[in-house]
Amino acid sequence: MRMVSRRSERVEPPPPHFPNWRAQLDPASRSRIINKIMETLRRHLPISGPEGLIELQKIAVRFEEKIFDSASSQTDYLRKLSLKMLTMETKSQSTGGHNSSQASSAT
């Protein structure tokens, strides 16, 4: 019996007939995700004027692309996005957040 070390195991790419999840993901879905990322960033980062909004969009696009490129499946993509967004929300709440003082003073 041949023993195989876990370290020597390699993850093989899916067979050619396996559907490419990236090609099947609707571009409109990615745009909606980028918009959600922008909403979250806007709540937690100071922005000023149209230049700040453009920079925020660039950050959101790079953030989404990085996760999209590193994900192994659509499920993995959505899981990673959710985890990153939750982490961002949690860190912001624990540090007081950018807009939390504005929100509490408005009520």
N, C-alpha and C. Protein backbone atom coordinates (compact mmCIF):
# COMPACT_ATOMS: atom_id res chain seq x y z
N MET A 1 0.84 -1.17 0.00
CA MET A 1 0.00 0.00 0.00
C MET A 1 0.89 1.24 0.00
N ARG A 2 0.58 2.17 -0.85
CA ARG A 2 1.38 3.37 -1.00
C ARG A 2 0.80 4.49 -0.14
N MET A 3 1.65 5.12 0.66
CA MET A 3 1.21 6.22 1.52
C MET A 3 1.48 7.54 0.80
N VAL A 4 0.53 8.43 0.87
CA VAL A 4 0.69 9.74 0.24
C VAL A 4 0.62 10.80 1.33
N SER A 5 1.64 11.58 1.40
CA SER A 5 1.67 12.67 2.37
C SER A 5 0.71 13.77 1.93
N ARG A 6 0.05 14.40 2.88
CA ARG A 6 -0.87 15.50 2.55
C ARG A 6 -0.12 16.65 1.90
N ARG A 7 1.10 16.85 2.28
CA ARG A 7 1.89 17.94 1.71
C ARG A 7 2.16 17.74 0.23
N SER A 8 2.25 16.49 -0.19
CA SER A 8 2.57 16.24 -1.59
C SER A 8 1.33 16.24 -2.48
N GLU A 9 0.14 16.25 -1.84
CA GLU A 9 -1.08 16.28 -2.64
C GLU A 9 -1.22 17.64 -3.30
N ARG A 10 -1.66 17.61 -4.52
CA ARG A 10 -1.88 18.86 -5.25
C ARG A 10 -3.35 18.96 -5.60
N VAL A 11 -3.83 20.17 -5.62
CA VAL A 11 -5.20 20.38 -6.06
C VAL A 11 -5.16 20.46 -7.57
N GLU A 12 -5.84 19.55 -8.19
CA GLU A 12 -5.87 19.51 -9.65
C GLU A 12 -6.94 20.46 -10.17
N PRO A 13 -6.67 21.11 -11.29
CA PRO A 13 -7.71 21.96 -11.88
C PRO A 13 -8.89 21.11 -12.32
N PRO A 14 -10.07 21.72 -12.40
CA PRO A 14 -11.23 20.93 -12.82
C PRO A 14 -11.06 20.44 -14.25
N PRO A 15 -11.71 19.35 -14.59
CA PRO A 15 -11.61 18.85 -15.96
C PRO A 15 -12.15 19.87 -16.96
N PRO A 16 -11.73 19.78 -18.23
CA PRO A 16 -12.14 20.77 -19.23
C PRO A 16 -13.65 20.90 -19.39
N HIS A 17 -14.40 19.84 -19.15
CA HIS A 17 -15.84 19.92 -19.31
C HIS A 17 -16.53 20.62 -18.13
N PHE A 18 -15.78 20.87 -17.05
CA PHE A 18 -16.33 21.54 -15.88
C PHE A 18 -16.60 23.01 -16.23
N PRO A 19 -17.79 23.52 -15.93
CA PRO A 19 -18.11 24.90 -16.32
C PRO A 19 -17.23 25.92 -15.61
N ASN A 20 -16.86 26.96 -16.33
CA ASN A 20 -16.06 28.04 -15.78
C ASN A 20 -17.01 29.01 -15.07
N TRP A 21 -16.98 29.04 -13.77
CA TRP A 21 -17.92 29.86 -13.01
C TRP A 21 -17.74 31.34 -13.28
N ARG A 22 -16.51 31.79 -13.56
CA ARG A 22 -16.28 33.21 -13.81
C ARG A 22 -16.99 33.68 -15.08
N ALA A 23 -16.96 32.85 -16.11
CA ALA A 23 -17.61 33.21 -17.37
C ALA A 23 -19.13 33.22 -17.22
N GLN A 24 -19.63 32.44 -16.28
CA GLN A 24 -21.08 32.35 -16.10
C GLN A 24 -21.64 33.41 -15.15
N LEU A 25 -20.78 34.10 -14.44
CA LEU A 25 -21.25 35.12 -13.50
C LEU A 25 -21.67 36.37 -14.28
N ASP A 26 -22.89 36.80 -14.05
CA ASP A 26 -23.45 37.95 -14.74
C ASP A 26 -22.67 39.22 -14.37
N PRO A 27 -22.20 39.99 -15.36
CA PRO A 27 -21.48 41.23 -15.07
C PRO A 27 -22.31 42.21 -14.22
N ALA A 28 -23.62 42.18 -14.38
CA ALA A 28 -24.48 43.05 -13.57
C ALA A 28 -24.39 42.67 -12.09
N SER A 29 -24.20 41.39 -11.81
CA SER A 29 -24.04 40.95 -10.42
C SER A 29 -22.76 41.53 -9.83
N ARG A 30 -21.70 41.51 -10.61
CA ARG A 30 -20.44 42.07 -10.13
C ARG A 30 -20.59 43.57 -9.89
N SER A 31 -21.31 44.25 -10.75
CA SER A 31 -21.53 45.69 -10.57
C SER A 31 -22.31 45.97 -9.29
N ARG A 32 -23.33 45.16 -9.02
CA ARG A 32 -24.10 45.33 -7.78
C ARG A 32 -23.21 45.09 -6.56
N ILE A 33 -22.34 44.10 -6.65
CA ILE A 33 -21.43 43.81 -5.54
C ILE A 33 -20.48 44.98 -5.32
N ILE A 34 -19.95 45.53 -6.41
CA ILE A 34 -19.05 46.69 -6.29
C ILE A 34 -19.79 47.86 -5.65
N ASN A 35 -21.05 48.07 -6.02
CA ASN A 35 -21.83 49.14 -5.41
C ASN A 35 -22.04 48.91 -3.91
N LYS A 36 -22.26 47.67 -3.51
CA LYS A 36 -22.40 47.35 -2.09
C LYS A 36 -21.09 47.63 -1.34
N ILE A 37 -19.97 47.25 -1.97
CA ILE A 37 -18.66 47.52 -1.37
C ILE A 37 -18.48 49.02 -1.20
N MET A 38 -18.86 49.79 -2.23
CA MET A 38 -18.74 51.25 -2.15
C MET A 38 -19.59 51.82 -1.01
N GLU A 39 -20.81 51.32 -0.86
CA GLU A 39 -21.68 51.78 0.24
C GLU A 39 -21.00 51.55 1.59
N THR A 40 -20.43 50.37 1.74
CA THR A 40 -19.77 50.04 3.01
C THR A 40 -18.56 50.93 3.22
N LEU A 41 -17.75 51.10 2.20
CA LEU A 41 -16.57 51.96 2.32
C LEU A 41 -16.97 53.40 2.63
N ARG A 42 -18.02 53.87 1.99
CA ARG A 42 -18.47 55.25 2.19
C ARG A 42 -18.89 55.49 3.64
N ARG A 43 -19.47 54.45 4.27
CA ARG A 43 -19.88 54.58 5.67
C ARG A 43 -18.68 54.65 6.61
N HIS A 44 -17.54 54.12 6.18
CA HIS A 44 -16.42 53.96 7.10
C HIS A 44 -15.17 54.75 6.73
N LEU A 45 -15.16 55.37 5.56
CA LEU A 45 -14.00 56.15 5.15
C LEU A 45 -14.41 57.58 4.84
N PRO A 46 -13.58 58.54 5.21
CA PRO A 46 -13.90 59.92 4.86
C PRO A 46 -13.68 60.15 3.37
N ILE A 47 -14.67 60.75 2.71
CA ILE A 47 -14.50 61.10 1.30
C ILE A 47 -14.85 62.56 1.14
N SER A 48 -14.22 63.20 0.17
CA SER A 48 -14.52 64.61 -0.07
C SER A 48 -14.64 64.85 -1.56
N GLY A 49 -15.80 65.31 -1.96
CA GLY A 49 -16.03 65.70 -3.34
C GLY A 49 -16.03 64.56 -4.32
N PRO A 50 -16.17 64.91 -5.60
CA PRO A 50 -16.23 63.90 -6.66
C PRO A 50 -14.93 63.09 -6.78
N GLU A 51 -13.80 63.72 -6.49
CA GLU A 51 -12.53 63.01 -6.58
C GLU A 51 -12.48 61.88 -5.56
N GLY A 52 -13.00 62.14 -4.37
CA GLY A 52 -13.03 61.12 -3.33
C GLY A 52 -13.93 59.96 -3.71
N LEU A 53 -15.05 60.27 -4.36
CA LEU A 53 -15.97 59.24 -4.80
C LEU A 53 -15.35 58.38 -5.90
N ILE A 54 -14.62 59.00 -6.81
CA ILE A 54 -13.93 58.26 -7.88
C ILE A 54 -12.87 57.35 -7.27
N GLU A 55 -12.13 57.86 -6.31
CA GLU A 55 -11.10 57.05 -5.64
C GLU A 55 -11.73 55.88 -4.89
N LEU A 56 -12.86 56.14 -4.26
CA LEU A 56 -13.59 55.10 -3.54
C LEU A 56 -14.03 53.99 -4.50
N GLN A 57 -14.49 54.39 -5.69
CA GLN A 57 -14.91 53.40 -6.68
C GLN A 57 -13.71 52.57 -7.14
N LYS A 58 -12.57 53.20 -7.33
CA LYS A 58 -11.37 52.46 -7.74
C LYS A 58 -10.99 51.43 -6.67
N ILE A 59 -11.09 51.83 -5.41
CA ILE A 59 -10.77 50.91 -4.32
C ILE A 59 -11.74 49.74 -4.32
N ALA A 60 -13.03 50.03 -4.50
CA ALA A 60 -14.05 48.97 -4.50
C ALA A 60 -13.83 48.00 -5.66
N VAL A 61 -13.49 48.52 -6.84
CA VAL A 61 -13.25 47.67 -8.01
C VAL A 61 -12.04 46.78 -7.77
N ARG A 62 -10.95 47.34 -7.27
CA ARG A 62 -9.75 46.53 -6.99
C ARG A 62 -10.03 45.47 -5.94
N PHE A 63 -10.77 45.85 -4.91
CA PHE A 63 -11.14 44.92 -3.84
C PHE A 63 -11.92 43.74 -4.41
N GLU A 64 -12.93 44.03 -5.23
CA GLU A 64 -13.75 42.97 -5.82
C GLU A 64 -12.94 42.11 -6.78
N GLU A 65 -12.10 42.74 -7.62
CA GLU A 65 -11.29 41.98 -8.58
C GLU A 65 -10.33 41.03 -7.88
N LYS A 66 -9.74 41.49 -6.79
CA LYS A 66 -8.79 40.65 -6.05
C LYS A 66 -9.49 39.39 -5.53
N ILE A 67 -10.67 39.56 -4.99
CA ILE A 67 -11.43 38.41 -4.48
C ILE A 67 -11.91 37.54 -5.62
N PHE A 68 -12.38 38.15 -6.70
CA PHE A 68 -12.85 37.41 -7.87
C PHE A 68 -11.73 36.53 -8.43
N ASP A 69 -10.54 37.11 -8.55
CA ASP A 69 -9.40 36.37 -9.12
C ASP A 69 -8.91 35.25 -8.21
N SER A 70 -9.05 35.41 -6.91
CA SER A 70 -8.52 34.40 -5.99
C SER A 70 -9.53 33.30 -5.66
N ALA A 71 -10.79 33.52 -5.97
CA ALA A 71 -11.82 32.55 -5.61
C ALA A 71 -11.76 31.31 -6.50
N SER A 72 -12.06 30.17 -5.91
CA SER A 72 -12.03 28.91 -6.66
C SER A 72 -13.39 28.54 -7.23
N SER A 73 -14.44 29.19 -6.76
CA SER A 73 -15.79 28.92 -7.25
C SER A 73 -16.66 30.12 -6.92
N GLN A 74 -17.86 30.13 -7.45
CA GLN A 74 -18.77 31.23 -7.14
C GLN A 74 -19.12 31.24 -5.66
N THR A 75 -19.28 30.07 -5.09
CA THR A 75 -19.56 29.98 -3.65
C THR A 75 -18.39 30.54 -2.85
N ASP A 76 -17.17 30.20 -3.25
CA ASP A 76 -15.98 30.71 -2.58
C ASP A 76 -15.89 32.23 -2.72
N TYR A 77 -16.20 32.74 -3.90
CA TYR A 77 -16.21 34.18 -4.18
C TYR A 77 -17.18 34.89 -3.23
N LEU A 78 -18.40 34.40 -3.14
CA LEU A 78 -19.40 35.03 -2.28
C LEU A 78 -19.04 34.90 -0.80
N ARG A 79 -18.46 33.75 -0.43
CA ARG A 79 -18.04 33.55 0.95
C ARG A 79 -16.93 34.54 1.33
N LYS A 80 -15.93 34.67 0.45
CA LYS A 80 -14.82 35.59 0.73
C LYS A 80 -15.30 37.03 0.80
N LEU A 81 -16.19 37.41 -0.12
CA LEU A 81 -16.73 38.77 -0.09
C LEU A 81 -17.47 39.03 1.22
N SER A 82 -18.33 38.10 1.58
CA SER A 82 -19.11 38.26 2.81
C SER A 82 -18.21 38.37 4.03
N LEU A 83 -17.21 37.53 4.09
CA LEU A 83 -16.29 37.54 5.22
C LEU A 83 -15.53 38.87 5.30
N LYS A 84 -15.04 39.35 4.17
CA LYS A 84 -14.29 40.62 4.15
C LYS A 84 -15.19 41.78 4.56
N MET A 85 -16.42 41.80 4.03
CA MET A 85 -17.34 42.89 4.35
C MET A 85 -17.71 42.85 5.84
N LEU A 86 -17.96 41.66 6.36
CA LEU A 86 -18.29 41.52 7.78
C LEU A 86 -17.11 41.96 8.65
N THR A 87 -15.91 41.60 8.25
CA THR A 87 -14.72 42.01 8.98
C THR A 87 -14.59 43.52 8.99
N MET A 88 -14.85 44.15 7.84
CA MET A 88 -14.77 45.61 7.74
C MET A 88 -15.80 46.26 8.68
N GLU A 89 -17.02 45.73 8.68
CA GLU A 89 -18.07 46.27 9.55
C GLU A 89 -17.70 46.09 11.03
N THR A 90 -17.21 44.92 11.37
CA THR A 90 -16.86 44.61 12.76
C THR A 90 -15.72 45.49 13.25
N LYS A 91 -14.68 45.64 12.42
CA LYS A 91 -13.54 46.48 12.82
C LYS A 91 -13.98 47.92 12.99
N SER A 92 -14.83 48.38 12.10
CA SER A 92 -15.31 49.76 12.17
C SER A 92 -16.13 49.99 13.43
N GLN A 93 -16.98 49.03 13.79
CA GLN A 93 -17.80 49.16 15.00
C GLN A 93 -16.94 49.15 16.26
N SER A 94 -15.89 48.33 16.26
CA SER A 94 -15.06 48.23 17.45
C SER A 94 -14.16 49.46 17.62
N THR A 95 -13.89 50.18 16.53
CA THR A 95 -13.05 51.38 16.62
C THR A 95 -13.87 52.65 16.62
N GLY A 96 -15.18 52.52 16.57
CA GLY A 96 -16.02 53.71 16.61
C GLY A 96 -16.52 54.13 15.25
N GLY A 97 -15.85 53.71 14.19
CA GLY A 97 -16.30 54.01 12.83
C GLY A 97 -16.21 55.48 12.49
N HIS A 98 -16.16 55.78 11.22
CA HIS A 98 -16.07 57.15 10.72
C HIS A 98 -17.36 57.91 10.95
N ASN A 99 -18.49 57.30 10.60
CA ASN A 99 -19.77 58.00 10.65
C ASN A 99 -20.59 57.67 11.88
N SER A 100 -20.09 56.85 12.79
CA SER A 100 -20.90 56.46 13.95
C SER A 100 -21.19 57.65 14.85
N SER A 101 -20.25 58.58 15.01
CA SER A 101 -20.50 59.74 15.86
C SER A 101 -21.51 60.67 15.22
N GLN A 102 -21.49 60.77 13.89
CA GLN A 102 -22.47 61.60 13.19
C GLN A 102 -23.86 61.01 13.34
N ALA A 103 -23.97 59.69 13.23
CA ALA A 103 -25.27 59.03 13.33
C ALA A 103 -25.84 59.17 14.74
N SER A 104 -25.00 59.01 15.76
CA SER A 104 -25.51 59.09 17.13
C SER A 104 -25.87 60.52 17.51
N SER A 105 -25.19 61.52 16.97
CA SER A 105 -25.51 62.90 17.30
C SER A 105 -26.74 63.39 16.56
N ALA A 106 -27.10 62.72 15.46
CA ALA A 106 -28.27 63.12 14.69
C ALA A 106 -29.56 62.63 15.33
N THR A 107 -29.48 61.63 16.21
CA THR A 107 -30.70 61.09 16.82
C THR A 107 -31.02 61.72 18.14
